Amino acid sequence: MSHTTYFVQECPTCGRRLRIRVDYLGKRVACQHCQGAFVATESSNVRGEPVDQGSSLLRRANELLDSVAQRKLSG
């Protein structure tokens, strides 16, 4: 069974905290509240710096997935 993993990011337009699927890291998304468009980025990249579409993005997604798997094993 597959479980979707999310991360939390603040909307740069309205400031709401949004749950965003890890699959959307580095992609343009829209806030469900204000419809403001922005690029989904990890929390360590909150300054709006360009997101590397290459290996660092995949590495971060894998880190997030691994952390979820570790929590399931320990819980």
Protein backbone atom coordinates (compact mmCIF):
# COMPACT_ATOMS: atom_id res chain seq x y z
CA MET A 1 0.00 0.00 0.00
CA SER A 2 1.35 3.42 -0.99
CA HIS A 3 1.12 6.44 1.33
CA THR A 4 1.53 9.97 0.08
CA THR A 5 4.13 12.06 1.90
CA TYR A 6 3.65 15.76 2.46
CA PHE A 7 5.75 18.70 3.62
CA VAL A 8 4.53 22.03 4.96
CA GLN A 9 5.20 25.33 3.21
CA GLU A 10 3.83 28.78 3.83
CA CYS A 11 2.04 30.45 0.92
CA PRO A 12 4.11 33.52 -0.04
CA THR A 13 0.91 35.40 -0.95
CA CYS A 14 -1.46 34.83 1.98
CA GLY A 15 0.85 33.24 4.57
CA ARG A 16 -1.24 30.13 5.17
CA ARG A 17 0.61 26.92 5.96
CA LEU A 18 -0.06 24.39 3.22
CA ARG A 19 0.47 20.64 3.09
CA ILE A 20 2.14 19.93 -0.25
CA ARG A 21 2.88 16.50 -1.69
CA VAL A 22 6.58 15.69 -1.94
CA ASP A 23 5.90 14.84 -5.60
CA TYR A 24 5.40 18.58 -6.23
CA LEU A 25 8.81 19.71 -4.90
CA GLY A 26 10.29 22.13 -7.43
CA LYS A 27 7.05 22.47 -9.37
CA ARG A 28 4.68 25.42 -9.68
CA VAL A 29 1.61 25.04 -7.46
CA ALA A 30 -1.33 27.24 -6.46
CA CYS A 31 -2.57 27.99 -2.94
CA GLN A 32 -5.99 26.44 -2.41
CA HIS A 33 -7.05 29.47 -0.34
CA CYS A 34 -5.91 32.54 -2.31
CA GLN A 35 -4.96 30.91 -5.65
CA GLY A 36 -1.49 32.51 -5.42
CA ALA A 37 1.01 30.61 -7.58
CA PHE A 38 4.49 29.70 -6.33
CA VAL A 39 7.17 27.02 -6.61
CA ALA A 40 6.94 24.29 -3.96
CA THR A 41 10.23 24.30 -2.05
CA GLU A 42 11.58 22.57 0.99
CA SER A 43 11.76 24.49 4.26
CA SER A 44 15.53 25.04 4.04
CA ASN A 45 14.94 26.99 0.82
CA VAL A 46 12.38 29.52 2.07
CA ARG A 47 14.17 32.52 0.56
CA GLY A 48 12.70 31.73 -2.84
CA GLU A 49 16.00 30.67 -4.34
CA PRO A 50 15.72 28.64 -7.54
CA VAL A 51 15.20 24.96 -6.86
CA ASP A 52 17.65 22.60 -8.52
CA GLN A 53 15.63 20.30 -10.76
CA GLY A 54 18.37 17.67 -10.66
CA SER A 55 19.82 15.30 -8.12
CA SER A 56 19.49 17.53 -5.03
CA LEU A 57 15.72 17.64 -5.48
CA LEU A 58 15.50 13.87 -5.77
CA ARG A 59 17.86 13.45 -2.82
CA ARG A 60 15.63 15.68 -0.64
CA ALA A 61 12.50 13.80 -1.68
CA ASN A 62 14.20 10.53 -0.75
CA GLU A 63 15.25 11.96 2.63
CA LEU A 64 11.64 12.90 3.37
CA LEU A 65 10.38 9.48 2.32
CA ASP A 66 13.08 7.78 4.44
CA SER A 67 12.12 9.83 7.49
CA VAL A 68 8.50 8.73 7.14
CA ALA A 69 9.57 5.09 6.80
CA GLN A 70 11.77 5.38 9.92
CA ARG A 71 8.86 6.83 11.93
CA LYS A 72 6.65 3.93 10.87
CA LEU A 73 9.28 1.39 11.93
CA SER A 74 9.87 3.00 15.31
CA GLY A 75 6.19 3.67 16.03
